[in-house]
Amino acid sequence: MASYLVLTSPGAPNNDDGARFIADKFSWLAFVFPAIWLLFKRQWIAGIAVAIFQGVVTVLTRDPSAMLAGLLIELALRMLVALEGPALIARRLEAQGWTLQAVITADDLTTAEMIYDHQVAVAAPATDNWRAPALPAATPSTDSRAAFGLFENYGER
């Protein structure tokens, strides 16, 4: 499951059709092509900084004795961009005046959109012919406790 950040444009109502859903999860494309992914997502400063940093690491680790250090630095940089790239996008939108309306946990984007539409419809004032949109059937869980974070730590070792 992934968390989806729902942002609406400045001055738009909660039920705006132009709401952006940003998946706050690991991005494989950002891991494989970090600088290009950032530039494609219009993160100009971060994308240029990552490209320059990758070039500097490549030049400084040409010596075979520094190869392992360069590989670890490159791996750490790629992990950082893949994990925090979506948060950079959300932060940029919030700086431009977009409003974070909700954080929704769902299996996919379609389900997240359905859950958000249902939440907005329930919060809206009722009319005579109003009916909340139907949600997908919940999947049964073997464990009733909710997990938060990277690891499910329920007392296990």
N, C-alpha and C. Protein backbone atom coordinates (compact mmCIF):
# COMPACT_ATOMS: atom_id res chain seq x y z
N MET A 1 0.83 -1.18 0.00
CA MET A 1 0.00 0.00 0.00
C MET A 1 0.87 1.24 0.00
N ALA A 2 0.37 2.26 -0.63
CA ALA A 2 1.08 3.53 -0.70
C ALA A 2 0.21 4.63 -0.11
N SER A 3 0.86 5.68 0.33
CA SER A 3 0.15 6.86 0.77
C SER A 3 0.10 7.84 -0.39
N TYR A 4 -1.04 8.43 -0.60
CA TYR A 4 -1.22 9.42 -1.66
C TYR A 4 -1.52 10.77 -1.02
N LEU A 5 -0.73 11.77 -1.37
CA LEU A 5 -0.95 13.12 -0.91
C LEU A 5 -1.90 13.78 -1.91
N VAL A 6 -2.99 14.36 -1.42
CA VAL A 6 -3.97 15.01 -2.28
C VAL A 6 -3.82 16.51 -2.10
N LEU A 7 -3.44 17.19 -3.19
CA LEU A 7 -3.25 18.63 -3.16
C LEU A 7 -4.19 19.30 -4.15
N THR A 8 -4.79 20.42 -3.72
CA THR A 8 -5.66 21.19 -4.60
C THR A 8 -5.01 22.53 -4.89
N SER A 9 -5.31 23.07 -6.06
CA SER A 9 -4.70 24.32 -6.50
C SER A 9 -5.17 25.48 -5.62
N PRO A 10 -4.43 26.59 -5.67
CA PRO A 10 -4.79 27.74 -4.82
C PRO A 10 -6.21 28.23 -5.09
N GLY A 11 -6.99 28.38 -4.02
CA GLY A 11 -8.35 28.88 -4.12
C GLY A 11 -9.37 27.87 -4.59
N ALA A 12 -8.98 26.65 -4.87
CA ALA A 12 -9.92 25.63 -5.36
C ALA A 12 -10.62 24.97 -4.17
N PRO A 13 -11.87 24.53 -4.38
CA PRO A 13 -12.57 23.82 -3.30
C PRO A 13 -12.01 22.40 -3.12
N ASN A 14 -12.46 21.75 -2.06
CA ASN A 14 -11.99 20.38 -1.78
C ASN A 14 -12.35 19.41 -2.89
N ASN A 15 -13.49 19.62 -3.55
CA ASN A 15 -13.95 18.68 -4.57
C ASN A 15 -13.46 19.08 -5.96
N ASP A 16 -12.37 19.76 -6.05
CA ASP A 16 -11.81 20.20 -7.33
C ASP A 16 -11.38 19.00 -8.17
N ASP A 17 -11.77 19.00 -9.45
CA ASP A 17 -11.38 17.91 -10.35
C ASP A 17 -9.90 17.97 -10.70
N GLY A 18 -9.26 19.09 -10.50
CA GLY A 18 -7.84 19.24 -10.81
C GLY A 18 -6.92 18.90 -9.65
N ALA A 19 -7.43 18.21 -8.65
CA ALA A 19 -6.60 17.83 -7.50
C ALA A 19 -5.50 16.89 -7.97
N ARG A 20 -4.31 17.07 -7.40
CA ARG A 20 -3.19 16.20 -7.76
C ARG A 20 -2.99 15.16 -6.67
N PHE A 21 -2.80 13.93 -7.11
CA PHE A 21 -2.53 12.81 -6.21
C PHE A 21 -1.06 12.45 -6.41
N ILE A 22 -0.27 12.58 -5.36
CA ILE A 22 1.15 12.27 -5.44
C ILE A 22 1.42 11.05 -4.57
N ALA A 23 1.89 9.99 -5.21
CA ALA A 23 2.19 8.75 -4.49
C ALA A 23 3.47 8.93 -3.68
N ASP A 24 3.36 8.82 -2.38
CA ASP A 24 4.52 8.96 -1.50
C ASP A 24 5.11 7.56 -1.28
N LYS A 25 5.81 7.08 -2.30
CA LYS A 25 6.41 5.75 -2.24
C LYS A 25 7.70 5.73 -3.04
N PHE A 26 8.39 4.63 -2.98
CA PHE A 26 9.65 4.45 -3.70
C PHE A 26 9.39 4.51 -5.20
N SER A 27 10.21 5.28 -5.92
CA SER A 27 10.06 5.42 -7.36
C SER A 27 11.25 4.78 -8.06
N TRP A 28 10.98 3.72 -8.82
CA TRP A 28 12.07 3.03 -9.51
C TRP A 28 12.71 3.89 -10.58
N LEU A 29 11.92 4.69 -11.27
CA LEU A 29 12.50 5.57 -12.28
C LEU A 29 13.44 6.59 -11.64
N ALA A 30 13.06 7.11 -10.47
CA ALA A 30 13.93 8.05 -9.77
C ALA A 30 15.20 7.36 -9.29
N PHE A 31 15.12 6.08 -8.99
CA PHE A 31 16.31 5.35 -8.55
C PHE A 31 17.27 5.12 -9.72
N VAL A 32 16.73 4.76 -10.87
CA VAL A 32 17.58 4.45 -12.02
C VAL A 32 18.13 5.71 -12.68
N PHE A 33 17.30 6.74 -12.81
CA PHE A 33 17.71 8.00 -13.45
C PHE A 33 17.40 9.18 -12.53
N PRO A 34 18.16 9.39 -11.46
CA PRO A 34 17.77 10.41 -10.48
C PRO A 34 17.75 11.84 -11.03
N ALA A 35 18.79 12.26 -11.71
CA ALA A 35 18.84 13.64 -12.20
C ALA A 35 17.80 13.87 -13.29
N ILE A 36 17.66 12.94 -14.20
CA ILE A 36 16.68 13.09 -15.29
C ILE A 36 15.27 13.09 -14.73
N TRP A 37 15.00 12.23 -13.75
CA TRP A 37 13.67 12.18 -13.14
C TRP A 37 13.33 13.50 -12.47
N LEU A 38 14.30 14.07 -11.73
CA LEU A 38 14.05 15.35 -11.06
C LEU A 38 13.81 16.46 -12.08
N LEU A 39 14.58 16.48 -13.15
CA LEU A 39 14.37 17.50 -14.18
C LEU A 39 13.02 17.32 -14.87
N PHE A 40 12.64 16.09 -15.13
CA PHE A 40 11.35 15.82 -15.76
C PHE A 40 10.19 16.27 -14.86
N LYS A 41 10.37 16.16 -13.55
CA LYS A 41 9.34 16.58 -12.59
C LYS A 41 9.43 18.06 -12.25
N ARG A 42 10.24 18.81 -12.98
CA ARG A 42 10.39 20.26 -12.86
C ARG A 42 11.04 20.67 -11.54
N GLN A 43 11.90 19.83 -11.02
CA GLN A 43 12.70 20.13 -9.84
C GLN A 43 14.07 20.58 -10.32
N TRP A 44 14.13 21.79 -10.89
CA TRP A 44 15.32 22.24 -11.61
C TRP A 44 16.57 22.28 -10.74
N ILE A 45 16.49 22.93 -9.61
CA ILE A 45 17.69 23.09 -8.77
C ILE A 45 18.17 21.74 -8.25
N ALA A 46 17.27 20.94 -7.76
CA ALA A 46 17.65 19.62 -7.25
C ALA A 46 18.19 18.73 -8.37
N GLY A 47 17.57 18.78 -9.55
CA GLY A 47 18.03 17.96 -10.66
C GLY A 47 19.43 18.35 -11.13
N ILE A 48 19.68 19.63 -11.24
CA ILE A 48 21.01 20.10 -11.64
C ILE A 48 22.03 19.77 -10.57
N ALA A 49 21.65 19.94 -9.30
CA ALA A 49 22.58 19.63 -8.21
C ALA A 49 22.94 18.14 -8.20
N VAL A 50 21.96 17.28 -8.42
CA VAL A 50 22.22 15.83 -8.45
C VAL A 50 23.10 15.48 -9.63
N ALA A 51 22.85 16.07 -10.79
CA ALA A 51 23.68 15.79 -11.97
C ALA A 51 25.13 16.22 -11.74
N ILE A 52 25.31 17.39 -11.15
CA ILE A 52 26.68 17.87 -10.85
C ILE A 52 27.34 16.96 -9.83
N PHE A 53 26.59 16.59 -8.78
CA PHE A 53 27.16 15.73 -7.74
C PHE A 53 27.55 14.37 -8.30
N GLN A 54 26.70 13.81 -9.19
CA GLN A 54 27.04 12.53 -9.80
C GLN A 54 28.31 12.66 -10.64
N GLY A 55 28.46 13.76 -11.35
CA GLY A 55 29.67 13.98 -12.15
C GLY A 55 30.91 14.10 -11.29
N VAL A 56 30.79 14.83 -10.18
CA VAL A 56 31.92 14.99 -9.27
C VAL A 56 32.32 13.65 -8.65
N VAL A 57 31.32 12.86 -8.25
CA VAL A 57 31.62 11.54 -7.66
C VAL A 57 32.29 10.65 -8.70
N THR A 58 31.84 10.71 -9.94
CA THR A 58 32.44 9.90 -11.00
C THR A 58 33.90 10.28 -11.22
N VAL A 59 34.18 11.57 -11.24
CA VAL A 59 35.56 12.03 -11.46
C VAL A 59 36.44 11.68 -10.27
N LEU A 60 35.96 11.87 -9.07
CA LEU A 60 36.79 11.64 -7.88
C LEU A 60 37.02 10.16 -7.58
N THR A 61 36.19 9.29 -8.11
CA THR A 61 36.35 7.87 -7.79
C THR A 61 36.87 7.07 -8.98
N ARG A 62 37.64 7.69 -9.84
CA ARG A 62 38.25 6.94 -10.95
C ARG A 62 39.34 5.99 -10.47
N ASP A 63 39.94 6.33 -9.36
CA ASP A 63 40.97 5.48 -8.79
C ASP A 63 40.32 4.17 -8.30
N PRO A 64 40.90 3.01 -8.66
CA PRO A 64 40.28 1.74 -8.24
C PRO A 64 40.13 1.58 -6.73
N SER A 65 40.98 2.24 -5.96
CA SER A 65 40.86 2.11 -4.50
C SER A 65 39.64 2.87 -3.97
N ALA A 66 39.15 3.84 -4.73
CA ALA A 66 37.99 4.62 -4.30
C ALA A 66 36.70 4.15 -4.95
N MET A 67 36.77 3.06 -5.68
CA MET A 67 35.60 2.58 -6.41
C MET A 67 34.45 2.22 -5.48
N LEU A 68 34.73 1.54 -4.38
CA LEU A 68 33.68 1.14 -3.44
C LEU A 68 33.02 2.37 -2.81
N ALA A 69 33.82 3.36 -2.44
CA ALA A 69 33.26 4.58 -1.85
C ALA A 69 32.35 5.28 -2.85
N GLY A 70 32.77 5.36 -4.10
CA GLY A 70 31.94 5.99 -5.13
C GLY A 70 30.64 5.25 -5.36
N LEU A 71 30.72 3.93 -5.35
CA LEU A 71 29.52 3.11 -5.53
C LEU A 71 28.53 3.33 -4.38
N LEU A 72 29.03 3.38 -3.16
CA LEU A 72 28.16 3.59 -2.00
C LEU A 72 27.55 4.99 -2.00
N ILE A 73 28.33 5.99 -2.37
CA ILE A 73 27.81 7.36 -2.45
C ILE A 73 26.73 7.45 -3.52
N GLU A 74 26.99 6.84 -4.67
CA GLU A 74 26.00 6.86 -5.76
C GLU A 74 24.72 6.12 -5.35
N LEU A 75 24.86 4.99 -4.68
CA LEU A 75 23.70 4.25 -4.20
C LEU A 75 22.89 5.06 -3.19
N ALA A 76 23.59 5.74 -2.27
CA ALA A 76 22.90 6.56 -1.27
C ALA A 76 22.16 7.72 -1.94
N LEU A 77 22.78 8.34 -2.92
CA LEU A 77 22.14 9.45 -3.63
C LEU A 77 20.89 8.96 -4.37
N ARG A 78 20.99 7.84 -5.03
CA ARG A 78 19.84 7.29 -5.76
C ARG A 78 18.71 6.91 -4.80
N MET A 79 19.05 6.32 -3.67
CA MET A 79 18.02 5.98 -2.67
C MET A 79 17.34 7.24 -2.13
N LEU A 80 18.13 8.27 -1.88
CA LEU A 80 17.57 9.52 -1.37
C LEU A 80 16.58 10.13 -2.36
N VAL A 81 16.94 10.18 -3.62
CA VAL A 81 16.04 10.74 -4.64
C VAL A 81 14.82 9.85 -4.81
N ALA A 82 14.99 8.53 -4.82
CA ALA A 82 13.86 7.63 -5.03
C ALA A 82 12.86 7.67 -3.87
N LEU A 83 13.35 7.86 -2.66
CA LEU A 83 12.47 7.88 -1.50
C LEU A 83 11.88 9.26 -1.22
N GLU A 84 12.66 10.32 -1.43
CA GLU A 84 12.22 11.66 -1.07
C GLU A 84 11.80 12.52 -2.25
N GLY A 85 11.93 12.00 -3.47
CA GLY A 85 11.53 12.77 -4.65
C GLY A 85 10.08 13.20 -4.64
N PRO A 86 9.13 12.30 -4.36
CA PRO A 86 7.73 12.72 -4.30
C PRO A 86 7.47 13.79 -3.24
N ALA A 87 8.18 13.74 -2.13
CA ALA A 87 8.01 14.77 -1.10
C ALA A 87 8.51 16.13 -1.61
N LEU A 88 9.57 16.13 -2.43
CA LEU A 88 10.04 17.38 -3.03
C LEU A 88 8.97 17.99 -3.93
N ILE A 89 8.30 17.16 -4.69
CA ILE A 89 7.24 17.64 -5.58
C ILE A 89 6.10 18.25 -4.76
N ALA A 90 5.69 17.56 -3.70
CA ALA A 90 4.61 18.07 -2.85
C ALA A 90 5.03 19.38 -2.18
N ARG A 91 6.27 19.46 -1.72
CA ARG A 91 6.76 20.67 -1.08
C ARG A 91 6.77 21.85 -2.06
N ARG A 92 7.16 21.59 -3.31
CA ARG A 92 7.16 22.66 -4.32
C ARG A 92 5.74 23.15 -4.59
N LEU A 93 4.79 22.23 -4.70
CA LEU A 93 3.41 22.63 -4.92
C LEU A 93 2.86 23.43 -3.75
N GLU A 94 3.18 23.03 -2.53
CA GLU A 94 2.72 23.76 -1.36
C GLU A 94 3.33 25.16 -1.31
N ALA A 95 4.57 25.29 -1.75
CA ALA A 95 5.20 26.61 -1.81
C ALA A 95 4.52 27.50 -2.85
N GLN A 96 3.92 26.91 -3.86
CA GLN A 96 3.21 27.67 -4.89
C GLN A 96 1.78 27.97 -4.49
N GLY A 97 1.36 27.57 -3.29
CA GLY A 97 0.04 27.89 -2.79
C GLY A 97 -0.96 26.75 -2.82
N TRP A 98 -0.55 25.58 -3.28
CA TRP A 98 -1.44 24.43 -3.28
C TRP A 98 -1.70 24.02 -1.83
N THR A 99 -2.86 23.42 -1.59
CA THR A 99 -3.26 23.04 -0.24
C THR A 99 -3.30 21.52 -0.13
N LEU A 100 -2.68 21.00 0.91
CA LEU A 100 -2.75 19.56 1.18
C LEU A 100 -4.10 19.28 1.82
N GLN A 101 -4.95 18.54 1.10
CA GLN A 101 -6.30 18.26 1.58
C GLN A 101 -6.38 16.97 2.39
N ALA A 102 -5.61 15.95 1.98
CA ALA A 102 -5.71 14.66 2.65
C ALA A 102 -4.50 13.81 2.33
N VAL A 103 -4.27 12.85 3.19
CA VAL A 103 -3.29 11.79 2.95
C VAL A 103 -4.08 10.48 3.00
N ILE A 104 -4.09 9.79 1.87
CA ILE A 104 -4.92 8.59 1.74
C ILE A 104 -4.04 7.38 1.50
N THR A 105 -4.28 6.32 2.24
CA THR A 105 -3.56 5.07 2.06
C THR A 105 -4.43 4.15 1.20
N ALA A 106 -3.86 3.73 0.06
CA ALA A 106 -4.61 2.88 -0.86
C ALA A 106 -3.64 2.02 -1.65
N ASP A 107 -4.19 0.98 -2.29
CA ASP A 107 -3.38 0.08 -3.10
C ASP A 107 -2.93 0.72 -4.40
N ASP A 108 -3.81 1.52 -5.01
CA ASP A 108 -3.48 2.14 -6.29
C ASP A 108 -4.15 3.50 -6.39
N LEU A 109 -3.83 4.22 -7.48
CA LEU A 109 -4.34 5.58 -7.66
C LEU A 109 -5.86 5.61 -7.81
N THR A 110 -6.42 4.66 -8.51
CA THR A 110 -7.87 4.64 -8.71
C THR A 110 -8.60 4.50 -7.38
N THR A 111 -8.12 3.62 -6.53
CA THR A 111 -8.74 3.44 -5.22
C THR A 111 -8.58 4.69 -4.36
N ALA A 112 -7.43 5.33 -4.43
CA ALA A 112 -7.20 6.56 -3.67
C ALA A 112 -8.16 7.66 -4.13
N GLU A 113 -8.37 7.77 -5.44
CA GLU A 113 -9.31 8.76 -5.96
C GLU A 113 -10.73 8.48 -5.48
N MET A 114 -11.11 7.20 -5.47
CA MET A 114 -12.45 6.83 -5.01
C MET A 114 -12.63 7.16 -3.53
N ILE A 115 -11.62 6.87 -2.72
CA ILE A 115 -11.71 7.16 -1.29
C ILE A 115 -11.81 8.65 -1.05
N TYR A 116 -11.00 9.42 -1.76
CA TYR A 116 -11.04 10.88 -1.60
C TYR A 116 -12.38 11.45 -2.04
N ASP A 117 -12.90 10.99 -3.17
CA ASP A 117 -14.21 11.46 -3.64
C ASP A 117 -15.30 11.13 -2.62
N HIS A 118 -15.19 9.96 -2.02
CA HIS A 118 -16.18 9.57 -1.00
C HIS A 118 -16.07 10.49 0.22
N GLN A 119 -14.85 10.78 0.68
CA GLN A 119 -14.66 11.66 1.84
C GLN A 119 -15.21 13.05 1.56
N VAL A 120 -14.96 13.57 0.35
CA VAL A 120 -15.44 14.90 0.00
C VAL A 120 -16.96 14.91 -0.10
N ALA A 121 -17.53 13.85 -0.67
CA ALA A 121 -18.99 13.78 -0.81
C ALA A 121 -19.68 13.68 0.54
N VAL A 122 -19.11 12.95 1.46
CA VAL A 122 -19.71 12.81 2.79
C VAL A 122 -19.63 14.13 3.54
N ALA A 123 -18.55 14.88 3.36
CA ALA A 123 -18.39 16.15 4.05
C ALA A 123 -19.22 17.27 3.42
N ALA A 124 -19.67 17.08 2.18
CA ALA A 124 -20.46 18.11 1.49
C ALA A 124 -21.87 18.17 2.07
N PRO A 125 -22.50 19.34 1.96
CA PRO A 125 -23.88 19.43 2.45
C PRO A 125 -24.82 18.53 1.64
N ALA A 126 -25.74 17.93 2.32
CA ALA A 126 -26.65 16.96 1.69
C ALA A 126 -27.71 17.67 0.86
N THR A 127 -28.08 17.07 -0.26
CA THR A 127 -29.18 17.54 -1.09
C THR A 127 -30.21 16.43 -1.19
N ASP A 128 -31.32 16.70 -1.86
CA ASP A 128 -32.40 15.71 -1.95
C ASP A 128 -31.98 14.46 -2.70
N ASN A 129 -31.26 14.61 -3.80
CA ASN A 129 -30.89 13.44 -4.60
C ASN A 129 -29.42 13.07 -4.44
N TRP A 130 -28.85 13.40 -3.33
CA TRP A 130 -27.44 13.14 -3.08
C TRP A 130 -27.22 11.70 -2.65
N ARG A 131 -26.14 11.11 -3.17
CA ARG A 131 -25.75 9.77 -2.76
C ARG A 131 -24.24 9.68 -2.82
N ALA A 132 -23.60 9.23 -1.75
CA ALA A 132 -22.14 9.12 -1.71
C ALA A 132 -21.69 8.06 -2.70
N PRO A 133 -20.55 8.29 -3.37
CA PRO A 133 -20.06 7.28 -4.32
C PRO A 133 -19.70 5.98 -3.60
N ALA A 134 -19.85 4.88 -4.29
CA ALA A 134 -19.57 3.57 -3.71
C ALA A 134 -18.06 3.36 -3.62
N LEU A 135 -17.64 2.74 -2.55
CA LEU A 135 -16.23 2.42 -2.36
C LEU A 135 -15.99 0.96 -2.71
N PRO A 136 -14.75 0.61 -3.08
CA PRO A 136 -14.47 -0.79 -3.34
C PRO A 136 -14.57 -1.60 -2.05
N ALA A 137 -14.84 -2.88 -2.20
CA ALA A 137 -14.95 -3.76 -1.04
C ALA A 137 -13.61 -3.85 -0.32
N ALA A 138 -13.67 -3.79 0.99
CA ALA A 138 -12.45 -3.87 1.78
C ALA A 138 -11.88 -5.28 1.73
N THR A 139 -10.57 -5.37 1.67
CA THR A 139 -9.93 -6.68 1.68
C THR A 139 -9.76 -7.12 3.12
N PRO A 140 -10.09 -8.37 3.42
CA PRO A 140 -9.96 -8.83 4.79
C PRO A 140 -8.49 -8.87 5.21
N SER A 141 -8.25 -8.47 6.42
CA SER A 141 -6.89 -8.45 6.95
C SER A 141 -6.75 -9.56 7.98
N THR A 142 -5.58 -10.16 8.01
CA THR A 142 -5.33 -11.21 8.98
C THR A 142 -4.99 -10.62 10.34
N ASP A 143 -4.54 -9.37 10.33
CA ASP A 143 -4.16 -8.71 11.57
C ASP A 143 -4.89 -7.39 11.65
N SER A 144 -5.54 -7.12 12.77
CA SER A 144 -6.36 -5.92 12.86
C SER A 144 -5.54 -4.68 13.23
N ARG A 145 -4.27 -4.82 13.51
CA ARG A 145 -3.46 -3.67 13.88
C ARG A 145 -2.95 -2.97 12.63
N ALA A 146 -2.97 -1.65 12.66
CA ALA A 146 -2.46 -0.87 11.53
C ALA A 146 -0.96 -0.70 11.67
N ALA A 147 -0.28 -0.66 10.53
CA ALA A 147 1.18 -0.48 10.53
C ALA A 147 1.49 0.94 10.12
N PHE A 148 2.55 1.49 10.68
CA PHE A 148 3.00 2.83 10.32
C PHE A 148 4.51 2.79 10.22
N GLY A 149 5.05 3.29 9.16
CA GLY A 149 6.49 3.33 8.99
C GLY A 149 6.97 2.24 8.06
N LEU A 150 8.27 2.08 8.01
CA LEU A 150 8.87 1.12 7.11
C LEU A 150 8.78 -0.32 7.61
N PHE A 151 8.79 -0.48 8.93
CA PHE A 151 8.81 -1.81 9.49
C PHE A 151 7.60 -2.02 10.39
N GLU A 152 7.03 -3.20 10.34
CA GLU A 152 5.93 -3.54 11.23
C GLU A 152 6.53 -4.11 12.50
N ASN A 153 6.56 -3.32 13.53
CA ASN A 153 7.18 -3.73 14.78
C ASN A 153 6.10 -3.85 15.85
N TYR A 154 5.61 -5.06 16.03
CA TYR A 154 4.57 -5.31 17.02
C TYR A 154 5.12 -6.16 18.16
N GLY A 155 6.28 -5.84 18.62
CA GLY A 155 6.87 -6.59 19.69
C GLY A 155 7.76 -7.72 19.23
N GLU A 156 7.80 -7.96 17.91
CA GLU A 156 8.68 -9.02 17.43
C GLU A 156 10.12 -8.54 17.46
N ARG A 157 11.01 -9.47 17.33
CA ARG A 157 12.43 -9.10 17.28
C ARG A 157 12.97 -9.43 15.93
